[in-house]
Amino acid sequence: MKNLMVRFMKDESGATAIEYGLIAAGISVIIIGTVNSIGTKLGTAFTAIDTGLGE
């Protein structure tokens, strides 16, 4: 039983999975922010083009 507890305490596979999850979440937040910013700029550009063509 003691051997089982020692192996359990030394096992770091769960910590590694959590770290990879946090990295993926951080990258996702950056991608979402970038896409949102680009979308806003594209919307403004297309509105300007539409206004220019309407004249």
PDB file of N, CA and C in Angstrom:
ATOM      1  N   MET A   1       0.824  -1.194   0.000  1.00  0.00           N
ATOM      2  CA  MET A   1       0.000   0.000   0.000  1.00  0.00           C
ATOM      3  C   MET A   1       0.871   1.261   0.000  1.00  0.00           C
ATOM      4  N   LYS A   2       1.954   1.225   0.774  1.00  0.00           N
ATOM      5  CA  LYS A   2       2.860   2.369   0.829  1.00  0.00           C
ATOM      6  C   LYS A   2       3.484   2.621  -0.539  1.00  0.00           C
ATOM      7  N   ASN A   3       3.844   1.549  -1.240  1.00  0.00           N
ATOM      8  CA  ASN A   3       4.434   1.667  -2.574  1.00  0.00           C
ATOM      9  C   ASN A   3       3.453   2.327  -3.542  1.00  0.00           C
ATOM     10  N   LEU A   4       2.187   1.990  -3.432  1.00  0.00           N
ATOM     11  CA  LEU A   4       1.150   2.573  -4.294  1.00  0.00           C
ATOM     12  C   LEU A   4       1.036   4.077  -4.053  1.00  0.00           C
ATOM     13  N   MET A   5       1.068   4.499  -2.787  1.00  0.00           N
ATOM     14  CA  MET A   5       0.969   5.927  -2.464  1.00  0.00           C
ATOM     15  C   MET A   5       2.188   6.696  -2.977  1.00  0.00           C
ATOM     16  N   VAL A   6       3.371   6.095  -2.869  1.00  0.00           N
ATOM     17  CA  VAL A   6       4.586   6.748  -3.346  1.00  0.00           C
ATOM     18  C   VAL A   6       4.525   6.931  -4.852  1.00  0.00           C
ATOM     19  N   ARG A   7       4.076   5.908  -5.570  1.00  0.00           N
ATOM     20  CA  ARG A   7       3.939   6.022  -7.030  1.00  0.00           C
ATOM     21  C   ARG A   7       2.913   7.076  -7.401  1.00  0.00           C
ATOM     22  N   PHE A   8       1.813   7.132  -6.646  1.00  0.00           N
ATOM     23  CA  PHE A   8       0.765   8.115  -6.919  1.00  0.00           C
ATOM     24  C   PHE A   8       1.280   9.538  -6.709  1.00  0.00           C
ATOM     25  N   MET A   9       2.055   9.762  -5.679  1.00  0.00           N
ATOM     26  CA  MET A   9       2.576  11.092  -5.380  1.00  0.00           C
ATOM     27  C   MET A   9       3.621  11.545  -6.402  1.00  0.00           C
ATOM     28  N   LYS A  10       4.328  10.606  -7.010  1.00  0.00           N
ATOM     29  CA  LYS A  10       5.358  10.948  -7.994  1.00  0.00           C
ATOM     30  C   LYS A  10       4.797  11.086  -9.406  1.00  0.00           C
ATOM     31  N   ASP A  11       3.574  10.636  -9.629  1.00  0.00           N
ATOM     32  CA  ASP A  11       2.982  10.675 -10.961  1.00  0.00           C
ATOM     33  C   ASP A  11       2.642  12.125 -11.321  1.00  0.00           C
ATOM     34  N   GLU A  12       3.222  12.630 -12.409  1.00  0.00           N
ATOM     35  CA  GLU A  12       2.997  14.016 -12.837  1.00  0.00           C
ATOM     36  C   GLU A  12       2.250  14.107 -14.160  1.00  0.00           C
ATOM     37  N   SER A  13       1.681  13.024 -14.631  1.00  0.00           N
ATOM     38  CA  SER A  13       1.000  13.051 -15.929  1.00  0.00           C
ATOM     39  C   SER A  13      -0.232  13.962 -15.899  1.00  0.00           C
ATOM     40  N   GLY A  14      -0.933  14.015 -14.786  1.00  0.00           N
ATOM     41  CA  GLY A  14      -2.091  14.901 -14.679  1.00  0.00           C
ATOM     42  C   GLY A  14      -1.684  16.361 -14.720  1.00  0.00           C
ATOM     43  N   ALA A  15      -0.567  16.686 -14.063  1.00  0.00           N
ATOM     44  CA  ALA A  15      -0.081  18.065 -14.069  1.00  0.00           C
ATOM     45  C   ALA A  15       0.317  18.492 -15.480  1.00  0.00           C
ATOM     46  N   THR A  16       0.918  17.585 -16.225  1.00  0.00           N
ATOM     47  CA  THR A  16       1.307  17.891 -17.600  1.00  0.00           C
ATOM     48  C   THR A  16       0.078  18.163 -18.457  1.00  0.00           C
ATOM     49  N   ALA A  17      -0.959  17.362 -18.288  1.00  0.00           N
ATOM     50  CA  ALA A  17      -2.189  17.562 -19.063  1.00  0.00           C
ATOM     51  C   ALA A  17      -2.819  18.912 -18.731  1.00  0.00           C
ATOM     52  N   ILE A  18      -2.795  19.286 -17.466  1.00  0.00           N
ATOM     53  CA  ILE A  18      -3.354  20.578 -17.062  1.00  0.00           C
ATOM     54  C   ILE A  18      -2.535  21.717 -17.669  1.00  0.00           C
ATOM     55  N   GLU A  19      -1.218  21.576 -17.675  1.00  0.00           N
ATOM     56  CA  GLU A  19      -0.371  22.614 -18.272  1.00  0.00           C
ATOM     57  C   GLU A  19      -0.661  22.774 -19.756  1.00  0.00           C
ATOM     58  N   TYR A  20      -0.793  21.664 -20.474  1.00  0.00           N
ATOM     59  CA  TYR A  20      -1.121  21.743 -21.893  1.00  0.00           C
ATOM     60  C   TYR A  20      -2.497  22.378 -22.099  1.00  0.00           C
ATOM     61  N   GLY A  21      -3.425  22.082 -21.227  1.00  0.00           N
ATOM     62  CA  GLY A  21      -4.754  22.691 -21.316  1.00  0.00           C
ATOM     63  C   GLY A  21      -4.700  24.192 -21.121  1.00  0.00           C
ATOM     64  N   LEU A  22      -3.893  24.641 -20.160  1.00  0.00           N
ATOM     65  CA  LEU A  22      -3.756  26.082 -19.925  1.00  0.00           C
ATOM     66  C   LEU A  22      -3.085  26.783 -21.099  1.00  0.00           C
ATOM     67  N   ILE A  23      -2.096  26.139 -21.689  1.00  0.00           N
ATOM     68  CA  ILE A  23      -1.435  26.719 -22.863  1.00  0.00           C
ATOM     69  C   ILE A  23      -2.431  26.831 -24.020  1.00  0.00           C
ATOM     70  N   ALA A  24      -3.210  25.778 -24.246  1.00  0.00           N
ATOM     71  CA  ALA A  24      -4.207  25.802 -25.325  1.00  0.00           C
ATOM     72  C   ALA A  24      -5.254  26.883 -25.078  1.00  0.00           C
ATOM     73  N   ALA A  25      -5.670  27.051 -23.830  1.00  0.00           N
ATOM     74  CA  ALA A  25      -6.654  28.088 -23.508  1.00  0.00           C
ATOM     75  C   ALA A  25      -6.077  29.479 -23.759  1.00  0.00           C
ATOM     76  N   GLY A  26      -4.824  29.681 -23.390  1.00  0.00           N
ATOM     77  CA  GLY A  26      -4.184  30.981 -23.631  1.00  0.00           C
ATOM     78  C   GLY A  26      -4.069  31.302 -25.105  1.00  0.00           C
ATOM     79  N   ILE A  27      -3.673  30.310 -25.889  1.00  0.00           N
ATOM     80  CA  ILE A  27      -3.565  30.506 -27.337  1.00  0.00           C
ATOM     81  C   ILE A  27      -4.939  30.796 -27.929  1.00  0.00           C
ATOM     82  N   SER A  28      -5.973  30.112 -27.440  1.00  0.00           N
ATOM     83  CA  SER A  28      -7.338  30.342 -27.941  1.00  0.00           C
ATOM     84  C   SER A  28      -7.794  31.769 -27.667  1.00  0.00           C
ATOM     85  N   VAL A  29      -7.488  32.269 -26.478  1.00  0.00           N
ATOM     86  CA  VAL A  29      -7.880  33.643 -26.136  1.00  0.00           C
ATOM     87  C   VAL A  29      -7.194  34.640 -27.066  1.00  0.00           C
ATOM     88  N   ILE A  30      -5.918  34.416 -27.348  1.00  0.00           N
ATOM     89  CA  ILE A  30      -5.182  35.309 -28.254  1.00  0.00           C
ATOM     90  C   ILE A  30      -5.775  35.254 -29.660  1.00  0.00           C
ATOM     91  N   ILE A  31      -6.082  34.060 -30.150  1.00  0.00           N
ATOM     92  CA  ILE A  31      -6.652  33.910 -31.499  1.00  0.00           C
ATOM     93  C   ILE A  31      -8.014  34.590 -31.577  1.00  0.00           C
ATOM     94  N   ILE A  32      -8.850  34.390 -30.570  1.00  0.00           N
ATOM     95  CA  ILE A  32     -10.192  34.991 -30.582  1.00  0.00           C
ATOM     96  C   ILE A  32     -10.088  36.517 -30.573  1.00  0.00           C
ATOM     97  N   GLY A  33      -9.187  37.057 -29.767  1.00  0.00           N
ATOM     98  CA  GLY A  33      -9.003  38.509 -29.727  1.00  0.00           C
ATOM     99  C   GLY A  33      -8.518  39.063 -31.051  1.00  0.00           C
ATOM    100  N   THR A  34      -7.584  38.365 -31.682  1.00  0.00           N
ATOM    101  CA  THR A  34      -7.051  38.807 -32.969  1.00  0.00           C
ATOM    102  C   THR A  34      -8.121  38.761 -34.051  1.00  0.00           C
ATOM    103  N   VAL A  35      -8.863  37.675 -34.114  1.00  0.00           N
ATOM    104  CA  VAL A  35      -9.916  37.539 -35.128  1.00  0.00           C
ATOM    105  C   VAL A  35     -11.003  38.591 -34.922  1.00  0.00           C
ATOM    106  N   ASN A  36     -11.335  38.854 -33.671  1.00  0.00           N
ATOM    107  CA  ASN A  36     -12.342  39.876 -33.378  1.00  0.00           C
ATOM    108  C   ASN A  36     -11.867  41.246 -33.827  1.00  0.00           C
ATOM    109  N   SER A  37     -10.611  41.563 -33.581  1.00  0.00           N
ATOM    110  CA  SER A  37     -10.050  42.851 -33.989  1.00  0.00           C
ATOM    111  C   SER A  37     -10.021  42.982 -35.504  1.00  0.00           C
ATOM    112  N   ILE A  38      -9.581  41.929 -36.180  1.00  0.00           N
ATOM    113  CA  ILE A  38      -9.533  41.953 -37.646  1.00  0.00           C
ATOM    114  C   ILE A  38     -10.938  42.069 -38.230  1.00  0.00           C
ATOM    115  N   GLY A  39     -11.896  41.371 -37.621  1.00  0.00           N
ATOM    116  CA  GLY A  39     -13.286  41.443 -38.093  1.00  0.00           C
ATOM    117  C   GLY A  39     -13.839  42.844 -37.997  1.00  0.00           C
ATOM    118  N   THR A  40     -13.539  43.530 -36.910  1.00  0.00           N
ATOM    119  CA  THR A  40     -14.002  44.910 -36.740  1.00  0.00           C
ATOM    120  C   THR A  40     -13.379  45.822 -37.796  1.00  0.00           C
ATOM    121  N   LYS A  41     -12.086  45.643 -38.032  1.00  0.00           N
ATOM    122  CA  LYS A  41     -11.403  46.478 -39.037  1.00  0.00           C
ATOM    123  C   LYS A  41     -11.935  46.184 -40.439  1.00  0.00           C
ATOM    124  N   LEU A  42     -12.205  44.914 -40.730  1.00  0.00           N
ATOM    125  CA  LEU A  42     -12.760  44.573 -42.044  1.00  0.00           C
ATOM    126  C   LEU A  42     -14.157  45.152 -42.219  1.00  0.00           C
ATOM    127  N   GLY A  43     -14.955  45.111 -41.170  1.00  0.00           N
ATOM    128  CA  GLY A  43     -16.303  45.691 -41.233  1.00  0.00           C
ATOM    129  C   GLY A  43     -16.244  47.178 -41.529  1.00  0.00           C
ATOM    130  N   THR A  44     -15.324  47.868 -40.897  1.00  0.00           N
ATOM    131  CA  THR A  44     -15.152  49.309 -41.142  1.00  0.00           C
ATOM    132  C   THR A  44     -14.703  49.561 -42.581  1.00  0.00           C
ATOM    133  N   ALA A  45     -13.781  48.728 -43.061  1.00  0.00           N
ATOM    134  CA  ALA A  45     -13.280  48.895 -44.430  1.00  0.00           C
ATOM    135  C   ALA A  45     -14.393  48.660 -45.455  1.00  0.00           C
ATOM    136  N   PHE A  46     -15.167  47.609 -45.267  1.00  0.00           N
ATOM    137  CA  PHE A  46     -16.247  47.334 -46.215  1.00  0.00           C
ATOM    138  C   PHE A  46     -17.337  48.398 -46.161  1.00  0.00           C
ATOM    139  N   THR A  47     -17.581  48.963 -45.000  1.00  0.00           N
ATOM    140  CA  THR A  47     -18.546  50.056 -44.893  1.00  0.00           C
ATOM    141  C   THR A  47     -18.059  51.263 -45.668  1.00  0.00           C
ATOM    142  N   ALA A  48     -16.753  51.549 -45.550  1.00  0.00           N
ATOM    143  CA  ALA A  48     -16.169  52.666 -46.301  1.00  0.00           C
ATOM    144  C   ALA A  48     -16.252  52.419 -47.803  1.00  0.00           C
ATOM    145  N   ILE A  49     -16.006  51.204 -48.228  1.00  0.00           N
ATOM    146  CA  ILE A  49     -16.089  50.864 -49.659  1.00  0.00           C
ATOM    147  C   ILE A  49     -17.515  51.006 -50.147  1.00  0.00           C
ATOM    148  N   ASP A  50     -18.466  50.507 -49.348  1.00  0.00           N
ATOM    149  CA  ASP A  50     -19.882  50.593 -49.708  1.00  0.00           C
ATOM    150  C   ASP A  50     -20.313  52.052 -49.830  1.00  0.00           C
ATOM    151  N   THR A  51     -19.873  52.861 -48.904  1.00  0.00           N
ATOM    152  CA  THR A  51     -20.207  54.289 -48.949  1.00  0.00           C
ATOM    153  C   THR A  51     -19.599  54.949 -50.180  1.00  0.00           C
ATOM    154  N   GLY A  52     -18.361  54.585 -50.486  1.00  0.00           N
ATOM    155  CA  GLY A  52     -17.683  55.151 -51.661  1.00  0.00           C
ATOM    156  C   GLY A  52     -18.357  54.736 -52.954  1.00  0.00           C
ATOM    157  N   LEU A  53     -18.851  53.522 -53.040  1.00  0.00           N
ATOM    158  CA  LEU A  53     -19.517  53.056 -54.259  1.00  0.00           C
ATOM    159  C   LEU A  53     -20.906  53.657 -54.410  1.00  0.00           C
ATOM    160  N   GLY A  54     -21.500  54.030 -53.299  1.00  0.00           N
ATOM    161  CA  GLY A  54     -22.838  54.600 -53.349  1.00  0.00           C
ATOM    162  C   GLY A  54     -22.879  56.023 -53.864  1.00  0.00           C
ATOM    163  N   GLU A  55     -21.752  56.667 -53.913  1.00  0.00           N
ATOM    164  CA  GLU A  55     -21.721  58.060 -54.363  1.00  0.00           C
ATOM    165  C   GLU A  55     -21.784  58.190 -55.858  1.00  0.00           C
TER     166      GLU A  55
END
